[in-house]
Amino acid sequence: MFTGIIRAVGRVERIERHAGDLTLAIRGAGMGAGMGAGMGAGSAGDSIAVNGVCLTLLEGGSDFVFDVSAETLSRTLIEGYAPGDAVNLEPALTLATPLGGHLVTGHVDGIAEVVSTTPAARSTCFRFAAARPFARFIAEKGSIALDGISLTVNCVYDSADSVEFEVNVVPHTFAHTNLSSVSAGSRVHLEIDPVARYLERLIANGPAAQQTT
């Protein structure tokens, strides 16, 4: 479990491709100090969110090394990563961690694409598009995680085959995440608020559904 508050931005150092999966190594200056109290430079077995994807650490130190399964590759953008790409990093939530964002599981629901970026005073307004099935989970002033960043939805625009929504990114978030390196056409991981996910499941399998089975 995570909070969507990014602790460091790393860079993809290398990718080792195997038969159907891969090993991912990430380098980041000062990552050890930025990864949270008691975590040091990371220990084998720790969970770390990489662009919002919960991965298990194989090795810590100057490089963070992860195995990425075929299942994870099929649901994320990691297959297309290349050395030098910027990635957001967050260690797992502890009982001592302030919940500054919202509860984020690190389980990606889908992909969103940047439609536009527009200056909004000192902030930046990002407009994203996602597949139509996600429309029911995206609400004005609700929470959403994009590449692991906890953000608030400003407004939502529904269409027949997609949903578009806007988020406002303040200067600190822009400077301390990978959002400074994305532009129109860039794709990011999308995770809906887990409360919405469970509510949808409960409604779909509630008393009314049981009566028809």
N, C-alpha and C. Protein backbone atom coordinates (compact mmCIF):
# COMPACT_ATOMS: atom_id res chain seq x y z
N MET A 1 0.85 -1.19 0.00
CA MET A 1 0.00 0.00 0.00
C MET A 1 0.89 1.24 0.00
N PHE A 2 0.42 2.29 -0.72
CA PHE A 2 1.20 3.51 -0.87
C PHE A 2 0.28 4.72 -0.66
N THR A 3 0.87 5.92 -0.73
CA THR A 3 0.08 7.14 -0.52
C THR A 3 0.00 8.01 -1.76
N GLY A 4 0.82 7.74 -2.77
CA GLY A 4 0.83 8.58 -3.96
C GLY A 4 1.67 9.83 -3.79
N ILE A 5 2.48 9.89 -2.72
CA ILE A 5 3.40 11.00 -2.51
C ILE A 5 4.79 10.52 -2.93
N ILE A 6 5.29 11.00 -4.05
CA ILE A 6 6.54 10.50 -4.62
C ILE A 6 7.72 10.94 -3.75
N ARG A 7 8.63 9.99 -3.45
CA ARG A 7 9.79 10.28 -2.60
C ARG A 7 11.05 10.56 -3.41
N ALA A 8 11.12 10.06 -4.62
CA ALA A 8 12.32 10.27 -5.45
C ALA A 8 11.96 9.99 -6.90
N VAL A 9 12.74 10.58 -7.80
CA VAL A 9 12.63 10.27 -9.22
C VAL A 9 13.92 9.56 -9.63
N GLY A 10 13.78 8.33 -10.13
CA GLY A 10 14.92 7.56 -10.58
C GLY A 10 15.00 7.55 -12.10
N ARG A 11 16.06 6.92 -12.60
CA ARG A 11 16.24 6.76 -14.03
C ARG A 11 16.46 5.29 -14.34
N VAL A 12 15.82 4.81 -15.39
CA VAL A 12 16.05 3.43 -15.80
C VAL A 12 17.51 3.29 -16.18
N GLU A 13 18.21 2.37 -15.52
CA GLU A 13 19.63 2.14 -15.77
C GLU A 13 19.84 1.06 -16.81
N ARG A 14 19.12 -0.06 -16.66
CA ARG A 14 19.25 -1.14 -17.64
C ARG A 14 18.02 -2.04 -17.57
N ILE A 15 17.81 -2.76 -18.67
CA ILE A 15 16.71 -3.73 -18.77
C ILE A 15 17.29 -5.02 -19.32
N GLU A 16 17.07 -6.10 -18.60
CA GLU A 16 17.53 -7.42 -19.04
C GLU A 16 16.29 -8.24 -19.40
N ARG A 17 16.15 -8.55 -20.67
CA ARG A 17 14.97 -9.27 -21.13
C ARG A 17 15.22 -10.77 -21.09
N HIS A 18 14.23 -11.49 -20.57
CA HIS A 18 14.30 -12.94 -20.46
C HIS A 18 13.19 -13.55 -21.32
N ALA A 19 12.92 -14.79 -21.15
CA ALA A 19 11.88 -15.47 -21.93
C ALA A 19 10.50 -15.11 -21.36
N GLY A 20 9.96 -13.97 -21.81
CA GLY A 20 8.61 -13.59 -21.40
C GLY A 20 8.53 -12.59 -20.28
N ASP A 21 9.64 -12.31 -19.58
CA ASP A 21 9.61 -11.29 -18.55
C ASP A 21 10.93 -10.53 -18.58
N LEU A 22 11.19 -9.71 -17.57
CA LEU A 22 12.44 -8.94 -17.61
C LEU A 22 12.89 -8.55 -16.20
N THR A 23 14.14 -8.12 -16.11
CA THR A 23 14.71 -7.55 -14.89
C THR A 23 14.97 -6.08 -15.15
N LEU A 24 14.54 -5.25 -14.22
CA LEU A 24 14.61 -3.79 -14.37
C LEU A 24 15.52 -3.22 -13.29
N ALA A 25 16.49 -2.40 -13.68
CA ALA A 25 17.38 -1.73 -12.74
C ALA A 25 17.18 -0.22 -12.86
N ILE A 26 17.05 0.44 -11.70
CA ILE A 26 16.77 1.88 -11.66
C ILE A 26 17.84 2.56 -10.82
N ARG A 27 18.35 3.67 -11.31
CA ARG A 27 19.35 4.46 -10.61
C ARG A 27 18.73 5.81 -10.24
N GLY A 28 19.06 6.28 -9.02
CA GLY A 28 18.56 7.58 -8.61
C GLY A 28 19.46 8.21 -7.59
N ALA A 29 19.96 9.40 -7.85
CA ALA A 29 20.83 10.10 -6.90
C ALA A 29 20.06 10.41 -5.63
N GLY A 30 20.65 10.02 -4.47
CA GLY A 30 20.03 10.32 -3.19
C GLY A 30 18.80 9.48 -2.88
N MET A 31 18.61 8.38 -3.62
CA MET A 31 17.42 7.57 -3.38
C MET A 31 17.38 7.03 -1.97
N GLY A 32 18.53 6.61 -1.45
CA GLY A 32 18.54 6.03 -0.11
C GLY A 32 17.98 6.98 0.92
N ALA A 33 18.43 8.25 0.87
CA ALA A 33 17.96 9.23 1.84
C ALA A 33 16.50 9.59 1.60
N GLY A 34 16.04 9.46 0.36
CA GLY A 34 14.69 9.89 0.05
C GLY A 34 13.63 8.82 0.18
N MET A 35 14.03 7.58 0.52
CA MET A 35 13.08 6.49 0.48
C MET A 35 12.36 6.26 1.79
N GLY A 36 12.67 7.02 2.82
CA GLY A 36 11.87 6.92 4.03
C GLY A 36 12.65 6.40 5.22
N ALA A 37 12.19 6.78 6.41
CA ALA A 37 12.88 6.42 7.65
C ALA A 37 12.96 4.92 7.81
N GLY A 38 14.13 4.44 8.20
CA GLY A 38 14.30 3.02 8.50
C GLY A 38 14.50 2.17 7.28
N MET A 39 14.41 2.75 6.07
CA MET A 39 14.50 1.93 4.88
C MET A 39 15.90 1.90 4.29
N GLY A 40 16.72 2.89 4.67
CA GLY A 40 18.07 2.93 4.12
C GLY A 40 18.02 3.02 2.62
N ALA A 41 18.87 2.23 1.95
CA ALA A 41 18.89 2.23 0.49
C ALA A 41 18.02 1.13 -0.07
N GLY A 42 17.17 0.55 0.77
CA GLY A 42 16.28 -0.50 0.32
C GLY A 42 16.85 -1.87 0.58
N SER A 43 15.98 -2.81 0.99
CA SER A 43 16.41 -4.17 1.29
C SER A 43 15.64 -5.14 0.41
N ALA A 44 16.27 -6.27 0.09
CA ALA A 44 15.60 -7.29 -0.72
C ALA A 44 14.27 -7.67 -0.07
N GLY A 45 13.24 -7.73 -0.88
CA GLY A 45 11.91 -8.06 -0.39
C GLY A 45 11.03 -6.87 -0.14
N ASP A 46 11.60 -5.65 -0.10
CA ASP A 46 10.79 -4.45 0.09
C ASP A 46 9.90 -4.20 -1.12
N SER A 47 8.74 -3.62 -0.87
CA SER A 47 7.85 -3.20 -1.96
C SER A 47 8.10 -1.73 -2.27
N ILE A 48 8.28 -1.43 -3.54
CA ILE A 48 8.49 -0.06 -3.99
C ILE A 48 7.59 0.17 -5.21
N ALA A 49 6.89 1.29 -5.22
CA ALA A 49 6.08 1.64 -6.38
C ALA A 49 6.95 2.36 -7.41
N VAL A 50 6.99 1.82 -8.61
CA VAL A 50 7.75 2.38 -9.72
C VAL A 50 6.74 2.88 -10.75
N ASN A 51 6.61 4.20 -10.86
CA ASN A 51 5.54 4.79 -11.69
C ASN A 51 4.18 4.19 -11.34
N GLY A 52 3.99 3.97 -10.04
CA GLY A 52 2.70 3.48 -9.57
C GLY A 52 2.52 1.99 -9.62
N VAL A 53 3.54 1.25 -10.05
CA VAL A 53 3.46 -0.21 -10.13
C VAL A 53 4.20 -0.81 -8.94
N CYS A 54 3.51 -1.57 -8.12
CA CYS A 54 4.15 -2.19 -6.95
C CYS A 54 5.07 -3.32 -7.41
N LEU A 55 6.38 -3.17 -7.13
CA LEU A 55 7.37 -4.18 -7.49
C LEU A 55 8.15 -4.58 -6.24
N THR A 56 8.68 -5.81 -6.26
CA THR A 56 9.45 -6.33 -5.13
C THR A 56 10.94 -6.17 -5.41
N LEU A 57 11.63 -5.55 -4.46
CA LEU A 57 13.05 -5.25 -4.63
C LEU A 57 13.89 -6.52 -4.50
N LEU A 58 14.77 -6.73 -5.50
CA LEU A 58 15.72 -7.83 -5.44
C LEU A 58 17.03 -7.40 -4.79
N GLU A 59 17.50 -6.21 -5.16
CA GLU A 59 18.75 -5.67 -4.66
C GLU A 59 18.60 -4.17 -4.41
N GLY A 60 19.20 -3.69 -3.31
CA GLY A 60 19.23 -2.26 -3.03
C GLY A 60 20.62 -1.71 -3.28
N GLY A 61 20.82 -0.45 -2.95
CA GLY A 61 22.12 0.18 -3.16
C GLY A 61 22.01 1.29 -4.18
N SER A 62 23.05 1.48 -4.99
CA SER A 62 23.02 2.55 -5.99
C SER A 62 22.00 2.26 -7.07
N ASP A 63 21.77 0.98 -7.37
CA ASP A 63 20.71 0.58 -8.30
C ASP A 63 19.65 -0.19 -7.53
N PHE A 64 18.37 0.06 -7.88
CA PHE A 64 17.28 -0.76 -7.38
C PHE A 64 16.94 -1.76 -8.49
N VAL A 65 16.95 -3.03 -8.17
CA VAL A 65 16.76 -4.08 -9.18
C VAL A 65 15.48 -4.84 -8.86
N PHE A 66 14.66 -5.05 -9.89
CA PHE A 66 13.38 -5.74 -9.74
C PHE A 66 13.22 -6.77 -10.85
N ASP A 67 12.57 -7.88 -10.54
CA ASP A 67 12.04 -8.78 -11.56
C ASP A 67 10.62 -8.32 -11.88
N VAL A 68 10.27 -8.29 -13.16
CA VAL A 68 8.94 -7.86 -13.59
C VAL A 68 8.30 -9.02 -14.35
N SER A 69 7.19 -9.52 -13.82
CA SER A 69 6.56 -10.71 -14.38
C SER A 69 5.83 -10.42 -15.69
N ALA A 70 5.50 -11.49 -16.40
CA ALA A 70 4.74 -11.36 -17.65
C ALA A 70 3.37 -10.73 -17.39
N GLU A 71 2.75 -11.08 -16.26
CA GLU A 71 1.45 -10.50 -15.91
C GLU A 71 1.56 -8.99 -15.74
N THR A 72 2.59 -8.53 -15.04
CA THR A 72 2.77 -7.08 -14.85
C THR A 72 3.06 -6.40 -16.18
N LEU A 73 3.87 -7.02 -17.02
CA LEU A 73 4.18 -6.43 -18.32
C LEU A 73 2.92 -6.28 -19.17
N SER A 74 2.00 -7.25 -19.04
CA SER A 74 0.78 -7.21 -19.87
C SER A 74 -0.17 -6.10 -19.46
N ARG A 75 -0.01 -5.56 -18.25
CA ARG A 75 -0.94 -4.56 -17.73
C ARG A 75 -0.33 -3.18 -17.55
N THR A 76 0.96 -3.04 -17.87
CA THR A 76 1.64 -1.77 -17.64
C THR A 76 2.43 -1.35 -18.87
N LEU A 77 3.14 -0.24 -18.75
CA LEU A 77 3.97 0.29 -19.83
C LEU A 77 5.44 -0.10 -19.69
N ILE A 78 5.77 -0.93 -18.71
CA ILE A 78 7.17 -1.20 -18.40
C ILE A 78 7.90 -1.84 -19.58
N GLU A 79 7.21 -2.64 -20.36
CA GLU A 79 7.82 -3.31 -21.52
C GLU A 79 8.49 -2.29 -22.45
N GLY A 80 7.93 -1.09 -22.51
CA GLY A 80 8.45 -0.08 -23.43
C GLY A 80 9.45 0.88 -22.81
N TYR A 81 9.83 0.67 -21.56
CA TYR A 81 10.81 1.55 -20.92
C TYR A 81 12.18 1.38 -21.55
N ALA A 82 12.97 2.45 -21.48
CA ALA A 82 14.33 2.43 -22.04
C ALA A 82 15.27 3.12 -21.07
N PRO A 83 16.57 2.80 -21.13
CA PRO A 83 17.54 3.47 -20.26
C PRO A 83 17.43 4.99 -20.37
N GLY A 84 17.45 5.65 -19.22
CA GLY A 84 17.32 7.10 -19.17
C GLY A 84 15.93 7.59 -18.86
N ASP A 85 14.91 6.73 -19.01
CA ASP A 85 13.54 7.16 -18.70
C ASP A 85 13.40 7.50 -17.23
N ALA A 86 12.68 8.60 -16.93
CA ALA A 86 12.44 9.01 -15.55
C ALA A 86 11.26 8.24 -14.97
N VAL A 87 11.41 7.75 -13.74
CA VAL A 87 10.35 6.99 -13.08
C VAL A 87 10.15 7.49 -11.65
N ASN A 88 8.90 7.57 -11.23
CA ASN A 88 8.56 7.97 -9.88
C ASN A 88 8.74 6.80 -8.92
N LEU A 89 9.28 7.07 -7.73
CA LEU A 89 9.54 6.03 -6.75
C LEU A 89 8.88 6.39 -5.42
N GLU A 90 8.25 5.39 -4.80
CA GLU A 90 7.67 5.56 -3.47
C GLU A 90 7.80 4.25 -2.70
N PRO A 91 8.34 4.28 -1.48
CA PRO A 91 8.38 3.06 -0.66
C PRO A 91 6.99 2.75 -0.11
N ALA A 92 6.81 1.54 0.36
CA ALA A 92 5.52 1.13 0.89
C ALA A 92 5.16 1.94 2.14
N LEU A 93 3.87 2.15 2.32
CA LEU A 93 3.33 2.85 3.47
C LEU A 93 3.63 2.08 4.75
N THR A 94 4.02 2.81 5.81
CA THR A 94 4.16 2.22 7.15
C THR A 94 3.15 2.88 8.08
N LEU A 95 3.02 2.35 9.29
CA LEU A 95 2.09 2.94 10.25
C LEU A 95 2.55 4.33 10.71
N ALA A 96 3.81 4.67 10.44
CA ALA A 96 4.34 5.97 10.82
C ALA A 96 4.36 6.97 9.67
N THR A 97 3.87 6.55 8.51
CA THR A 97 3.90 7.42 7.32
C THR A 97 2.68 8.33 7.29
N PRO A 98 2.87 9.65 7.17
CA PRO A 98 1.71 10.55 7.02
C PRO A 98 0.97 10.22 5.72
N LEU A 99 -0.35 10.15 5.79
CA LEU A 99 -1.14 9.86 4.60
C LEU A 99 -1.45 11.17 3.90
N GLY A 100 -0.43 11.71 3.20
CA GLY A 100 -0.58 13.02 2.58
C GLY A 100 -1.36 12.99 1.28
N GLY A 101 -1.45 11.82 0.63
CA GLY A 101 -2.20 11.71 -0.61
C GLY A 101 -3.50 10.96 -0.39
N HIS A 102 -3.62 9.77 -1.00
CA HIS A 102 -4.74 8.88 -0.73
C HIS A 102 -4.22 7.46 -0.80
N LEU A 103 -5.00 6.50 -0.38
CA LEU A 103 -4.54 5.11 -0.39
C LEU A 103 -4.40 4.63 -1.83
N VAL A 104 -3.21 4.15 -2.16
CA VAL A 104 -2.88 3.67 -3.50
C VAL A 104 -2.34 2.26 -3.35
N THR A 105 -2.83 1.32 -4.16
CA THR A 105 -2.45 -0.08 -3.99
C THR A 105 -1.21 -0.47 -4.78
N GLY A 106 -0.89 0.29 -5.84
CA GLY A 106 0.20 -0.13 -6.71
C GLY A 106 -0.21 -1.15 -7.74
N HIS A 107 -1.52 -1.35 -7.89
CA HIS A 107 -2.06 -2.27 -8.90
C HIS A 107 -2.73 -1.44 -9.99
N VAL A 108 -2.09 -1.37 -11.14
CA VAL A 108 -2.53 -0.50 -12.23
C VAL A 108 -3.84 -0.99 -12.84
N ASP A 109 -4.78 -0.06 -13.02
CA ASP A 109 -6.07 -0.41 -13.63
C ASP A 109 -6.07 -0.23 -15.14
N GLY A 110 -5.26 0.70 -15.62
CA GLY A 110 -5.26 0.96 -17.06
C GLY A 110 -4.25 2.03 -17.42
N ILE A 111 -4.40 2.54 -18.63
CA ILE A 111 -3.47 3.54 -19.17
C ILE A 111 -4.24 4.80 -19.53
N ALA A 112 -3.65 5.96 -19.20
CA ALA A 112 -4.22 7.25 -19.61
C ALA A 112 -3.21 7.95 -20.51
N GLU A 113 -3.71 8.74 -21.44
CA GLU A 113 -2.84 9.48 -22.37
C GLU A 113 -2.99 10.97 -22.16
N VAL A 114 -1.87 11.68 -22.18
CA VAL A 114 -1.90 13.13 -22.04
C VAL A 114 -2.51 13.74 -23.31
N VAL A 115 -3.57 14.52 -23.14
CA VAL A 115 -4.21 15.21 -24.26
C VAL A 115 -3.58 16.59 -24.45
N SER A 116 -3.36 17.29 -23.33
CA SER A 116 -2.78 18.63 -23.42
C SER A 116 -2.22 19.04 -22.07
N THR A 117 -1.34 20.03 -22.10
CA THR A 117 -0.84 20.67 -20.88
C THR A 117 -0.99 22.17 -21.07
N THR A 118 -1.54 22.83 -20.05
CA THR A 118 -1.83 24.25 -20.15
C THR A 118 -1.38 24.97 -18.88
N PRO A 119 -0.64 26.06 -19.00
CA PRO A 119 -0.26 26.82 -17.80
C PRO A 119 -1.52 27.32 -17.09
N ALA A 120 -1.50 27.25 -15.75
CA ALA A 120 -2.59 27.76 -14.93
C ALA A 120 -1.97 28.52 -13.77
N ALA A 121 -1.73 29.82 -14.00
CA ALA A 121 -0.94 30.63 -13.06
C ALA A 121 0.43 29.96 -12.91
N ARG A 122 0.87 29.64 -11.69
CA ARG A 122 2.17 28.99 -11.52
C ARG A 122 2.08 27.47 -11.63
N SER A 123 0.88 26.95 -11.76
CA SER A 123 0.67 25.50 -11.88
C SER A 123 0.53 25.10 -13.34
N THR A 124 0.32 23.80 -13.56
CA THR A 124 0.10 23.27 -14.91
C THR A 124 -1.15 22.41 -14.89
N CYS A 125 -2.05 22.66 -15.82
CA CYS A 125 -3.26 21.84 -15.95
C CYS A 125 -2.99 20.75 -16.99
N PHE A 126 -3.09 19.50 -16.56
CA PHE A 126 -2.93 18.36 -17.45
C PHE A 126 -4.31 17.80 -17.78
N ARG A 127 -4.55 17.57 -19.06
CA ARG A 127 -5.79 16.90 -19.49
C ARG A 127 -5.42 15.52 -20.01
N PHE A 128 -6.10 14.50 -19.47
CA PHE A 128 -5.84 13.11 -19.82
C PHE A 128 -7.08 12.48 -20.45
N ALA A 129 -6.86 11.45 -21.25
CA ALA A 129 -7.94 10.65 -21.81
C ALA A 129 -7.74 9.20 -21.40
N ALA A 130 -8.84 8.52 -21.09
CA ALA A 130 -8.80 7.10 -20.74
C ALA A 130 -9.98 6.40 -21.40
N ALA A 131 -9.94 5.08 -21.42
CA ALA A 131 -11.00 4.30 -22.05
C ALA A 131 -12.34 4.53 -21.34
N ARG A 132 -13.40 4.46 -22.10
CA ARG A 132 -14.75 4.75 -21.59
C ARG A 132 -15.12 3.95 -20.32
N PRO A 133 -14.75 2.67 -20.17
CA PRO A 133 -15.13 1.94 -18.96
C PRO A 133 -14.64 2.57 -17.66
N PHE A 134 -13.62 3.42 -17.72
CA PHE A 134 -13.13 4.05 -16.50
C PHE A 134 -13.97 5.26 -16.08
N ALA A 135 -14.90 5.69 -16.92
CA ALA A 135 -15.67 6.90 -16.64
C ALA A 135 -16.42 6.81 -15.32
N ARG A 136 -16.94 5.64 -15.00
CA ARG A 136 -17.74 5.52 -13.78
C ARG A 136 -16.89 5.60 -12.51
N PHE A 137 -15.57 5.50 -12.65
CA PHE A 137 -14.68 5.55 -11.49
C PHE A 137 -14.00 6.91 -11.30
N ILE A 138 -14.18 7.82 -12.24
CA ILE A 138 -13.48 9.11 -12.20
C ILE A 138 -14.50 10.21 -11.92
N ALA A 139 -14.36 10.89 -10.79
CA ALA A 139 -15.35 11.87 -10.37
C ALA A 139 -14.67 13.21 -10.04
N GLU A 140 -15.38 14.28 -10.33
CA GLU A 140 -14.86 15.61 -10.00
C GLU A 140 -14.56 15.71 -8.51
N LYS A 141 -13.35 16.19 -8.18
CA LYS A 141 -12.83 16.32 -6.83
C LYS A 141 -12.55 14.98 -6.16
N GLY A 142 -12.59 13.91 -6.95
CA GLY A 142 -12.18 12.61 -6.45
C GLY A 142 -10.67 12.43 -6.62
N SER A 143 -10.14 11.35 -6.07
CA SER A 143 -8.71 11.07 -6.15
C SER A 143 -8.40 10.10 -7.28
N ILE A 144 -7.21 10.28 -7.86
CA ILE A 144 -6.74 9.37 -8.90
C ILE A 144 -5.22 9.32 -8.80
N ALA A 145 -4.63 8.19 -9.16
CA ALA A 145 -3.17 8.07 -9.17
C ALA A 145 -2.71 7.93 -10.62
N LEU A 146 -1.79 8.80 -11.03
CA LEU A 146 -1.24 8.79 -12.39
C LEU A 146 0.27 8.62 -12.28
N ASP A 147 0.80 7.51 -12.82
CA ASP A 147 2.20 7.13 -12.63
C ASP A 147 2.57 7.17 -11.16
N GLY A 148 1.61 6.78 -10.31
CA GLY A 148 1.84 6.69 -8.87
C GLY A 148 1.66 7.97 -8.11
N ILE A 149 1.32 9.08 -8.79
CA ILE A 149 1.17 10.38 -8.13
C ILE A 149 -0.28 10.58 -7.72
N SER A 150 -0.51 10.86 -6.45
CA SER A 150 -1.86 11.14 -5.97
C SER A 150 -2.28 12.53 -6.44
N LEU A 151 -3.38 12.60 -7.20
CA LEU A 151 -3.86 13.86 -7.74
C LEU A 151 -5.37 13.97 -7.56
N THR A 152 -5.87 15.20 -7.57
CA THR A 152 -7.30 15.47 -7.46
C THR A 152 -7.86 15.81 -8.83
N VAL A 153 -8.97 15.18 -9.19
CA VAL A 153 -9.62 15.44 -10.47
C VAL A 153 -10.36 16.77 -10.41
N ASN A 154 -10.02 17.68 -11.32
CA ASN A 154 -10.69 18.98 -11.36
C ASN A 154 -12.05 18.90 -12.05
N CYS A 155 -12.09 18.25 -13.20
CA CYS A 155 -13.33 18.14 -13.96
C CYS A 155 -13.26 16.93 -14.87
N VAL A 156 -14.42 16.47 -15.31
CA VAL A 156 -14.54 15.26 -16.11
C VAL A 156 -15.38 15.55 -17.33
N TYR A 157 -14.96 15.00 -18.49
CA TYR A 157 -15.67 15.19 -19.75
C TYR A 157 -15.94 13.80 -20.36
N ASP A 158 -17.19 13.43 -20.43
CA ASP A 158 -17.57 12.12 -20.97
C ASP A 158 -17.86 12.22 -22.47
N SER A 159 -17.49 11.18 -23.19
CA SER A 159 -17.87 11.05 -24.60
C SER A 159 -18.29 9.60 -24.83
N ALA A 160 -18.69 9.29 -26.05
CA ALA A 160 -19.22 7.96 -26.34
C ALA A 160 -18.19 6.86 -26.16
N ASP A 161 -16.92 7.15 -26.47
CA ASP A 161 -15.92 6.08 -26.45
C ASP A 161 -14.74 6.34 -25.52
N SER A 162 -14.78 7.44 -24.75
CA SER A 162 -13.67 7.71 -23.84
C SER A 162 -14.13 8.63 -22.72
N VAL A 163 -13.25 8.87 -21.78
CA VAL A 163 -13.48 9.86 -20.74
C VAL A 163 -12.22 10.71 -20.64
N GLU A 164 -12.39 12.03 -20.58
CA GLU A 164 -11.27 12.93 -20.39
C GLU A 164 -11.43 13.64 -19.06
N PHE A 165 -10.32 13.93 -18.42
CA PHE A 165 -10.36 14.58 -17.12
C PHE A 165 -9.12 15.46 -16.96
N GLU A 166 -9.25 16.46 -16.09
CA GLU A 166 -8.16 17.39 -15.86
C GLU A 166 -7.70 17.33 -14.42
N VAL A 167 -6.38 17.50 -14.24
CA VAL A 167 -5.79 17.61 -12.91
C VAL A 167 -4.88 18.82 -12.90
N ASN A 168 -4.80 19.47 -11.76
CA ASN A 168 -3.92 20.63 -11.61
C ASN A 168 -2.66 20.20 -10.87
N VAL A 169 -1.50 20.48 -11.44
CA VAL A 169 -0.23 20.07 -10.86
C VAL A 169 0.51 21.31 -10.37
N VAL A 170 0.73 21.39 -9.06
CA VAL A 170 1.41 22.55 -8.48
C VAL A 170 2.91 22.47 -8.77
N PRO A 171 3.63 23.59 -8.67
CA PRO A 171 5.05 23.60 -9.03
C PRO A 171 5.89 22.55 -8.32
N HIS A 172 5.64 22.31 -7.02
CA HIS A 172 6.45 21.31 -6.30
C HIS A 172 6.28 19.92 -6.91
N THR A 173 5.04 19.54 -7.17
CA THR A 173 4.78 18.22 -7.76
C THR A 173 5.38 18.12 -9.16
N PHE A 174 5.26 19.17 -9.93
CA PHE A 174 5.82 19.19 -11.28
C PHE A 174 7.34 19.00 -11.24
N ALA A 175 8.00 19.65 -10.28
CA ALA A 175 9.46 19.61 -10.21
C ALA A 175 10.00 18.33 -9.61
N HIS A 176 9.19 17.63 -8.79
CA HIS A 176 9.69 16.47 -8.05
C HIS A 176 9.07 15.16 -8.50
N THR A 177 8.50 15.13 -9.70
CA THR A 177 7.99 13.89 -10.29
C THR A 177 8.38 13.86 -11.77
N ASN A 178 7.99 12.79 -12.45
CA ASN A 178 8.32 12.69 -13.88
C ASN A 178 7.36 13.48 -14.76
N LEU A 179 6.39 14.20 -14.17
CA LEU A 179 5.46 14.98 -14.99
C LEU A 179 6.16 16.09 -15.75
N SER A 180 7.36 16.48 -15.29
CA SER A 180 8.10 17.51 -16.00
C SER A 180 8.65 17.00 -17.33
N SER A 181 8.59 15.68 -17.55
CA SER A 181 9.14 15.11 -18.78
C SER A 181 8.07 14.53 -19.70
N VAL A 182 6.78 14.73 -19.38
CA VAL A 182 5.72 14.21 -20.24
C VAL A 182 5.09 15.35 -21.02
N SER A 183 4.46 15.02 -22.13
CA SER A 183 3.82 16.01 -22.99
C SER A 183 2.64 15.34 -23.70
N ALA A 184 1.95 16.08 -24.53
CA ALA A 184 0.81 15.52 -25.27
C ALA A 184 1.23 14.25 -26.01
N GLY A 185 0.44 13.20 -25.83
CA GLY A 185 0.75 11.91 -26.44
C GLY A 185 1.45 10.94 -25.51
N SER A 186 2.03 11.45 -24.42
CA SER A 186 2.67 10.56 -23.44
C SER A 186 1.60 9.71 -22.75
N ARG A 187 1.98 8.50 -22.37
CA ARG A 187 1.05 7.61 -21.68
C ARG A 187 1.54 7.35 -20.26
N VAL A 188 0.60 7.22 -19.33
CA VAL A 188 0.93 7.01 -17.92
C VAL A 188 0.03 5.92 -17.35
N HIS A 189 0.49 5.34 -16.24
CA HIS A 189 -0.33 4.36 -15.53
C HIS A 189 -1.46 5.06 -14.78
N LEU A 190 -2.61 4.46 -14.80
CA LEU A 190 -3.79 4.98 -14.11
C LEU A 190 -4.26 3.99 -13.07
N GLU A 191 -4.44 4.47 -11.85
CA GLU A 191 -5.07 3.65 -10.81
C GLU A 191 -6.23 4.43 -10.22
N ILE A 192 -7.40 3.85 -10.27
CA ILE A 192 -8.58 4.50 -9.70
C ILE A 192 -8.53 4.39 -8.18
N ASP A 193 -9.34 5.21 -7.53
CA ASP A 193 -9.45 5.14 -6.08
C ASP A 193 -9.93 3.73 -5.70
N PRO A 194 -9.19 3.01 -4.84
CA PRO A 194 -9.58 1.63 -4.50
C PRO A 194 -10.97 1.54 -3.88
N VAL A 195 -11.42 2.60 -3.21
CA VAL A 195 -12.77 2.58 -2.65
C VAL A 195 -13.80 2.44 -3.77
N ALA A 196 -13.59 3.15 -4.88
CA ALA A 196 -14.51 3.07 -6.02
C ALA A 196 -14.50 1.66 -6.62
N ARG A 197 -13.31 1.05 -6.67
CA ARG A 197 -13.20 -0.30 -7.23
C ARG A 197 -14.03 -1.30 -6.41
N TYR A 198 -13.92 -1.23 -5.10
CA TYR A 198 -14.65 -2.17 -4.25
C TYR A 198 -16.14 -1.88 -4.22
N LEU A 199 -16.52 -0.61 -4.27
CA LEU A 199 -17.94 -0.28 -4.31
C LEU A 199 -18.58 -0.83 -5.57
N GLU A 200 -17.89 -0.70 -6.70
CA GLU A 200 -18.44 -1.22 -7.96
C GLU A 200 -18.63 -2.73 -7.88
N ARG A 201 -17.68 -3.42 -7.28
CA ARG A 201 -17.76 -4.88 -7.14
C ARG A 201 -18.91 -5.28 -6.20
N LEU A 202 -19.06 -4.54 -5.10
CA LEU A 202 -20.14 -4.83 -4.16
C LEU A 202 -21.51 -4.62 -4.79
N ILE A 203 -21.64 -3.52 -5.54
CA ILE A 203 -22.92 -3.25 -6.19
C ILE A 203 -23.25 -4.32 -7.23
N ALA A 204 -22.25 -4.72 -8.01
CA ALA A 204 -22.46 -5.71 -9.06
C ALA A 204 -22.83 -7.07 -8.49
N ASN A 205 -22.42 -7.35 -7.24
CA ASN A 205 -22.67 -8.67 -6.65
C ASN A 205 -23.49 -8.57 -5.37
N GLY A 206 -24.33 -7.53 -5.30
CA GLY A 206 -25.18 -7.33 -4.13
C GLY A 206 -26.43 -8.19 -4.16
N PRO A 207 -27.38 -7.92 -3.26
CA PRO A 207 -28.61 -8.73 -3.17
C PRO A 207 -29.36 -8.84 -4.49
N ALA A 208 -29.46 -7.75 -5.25
CA ALA A 208 -30.21 -7.78 -6.50
C ALA A 208 -29.56 -8.75 -7.48
N ALA A 209 -28.23 -8.76 -7.52
CA ALA A 209 -27.53 -9.67 -8.43
C ALA A 209 -27.69 -11.11 -7.99
N GLN A 210 -27.68 -11.34 -6.67
CA GLN A 210 -27.80 -12.70 -6.16
C GLN A 210 -29.17 -13.30 -6.46
N GLN A 211 -30.21 -12.46 -6.48
CA GLN A 211 -31.55 -12.95 -6.74
C GLN A 211 -31.72 -13.45 -8.17
N THR A 212 -30.87 -13.00 -9.08
CA THR A 212 -31.00 -13.43 -10.47
C THR A 212 -30.16 -14.67 -10.79
N THR A 213 -29.39 -15.15 -9.80
CA THR A 213 -28.53 -16.33 -10.05
C THR A 213 -29.19 -17.60 -9.53
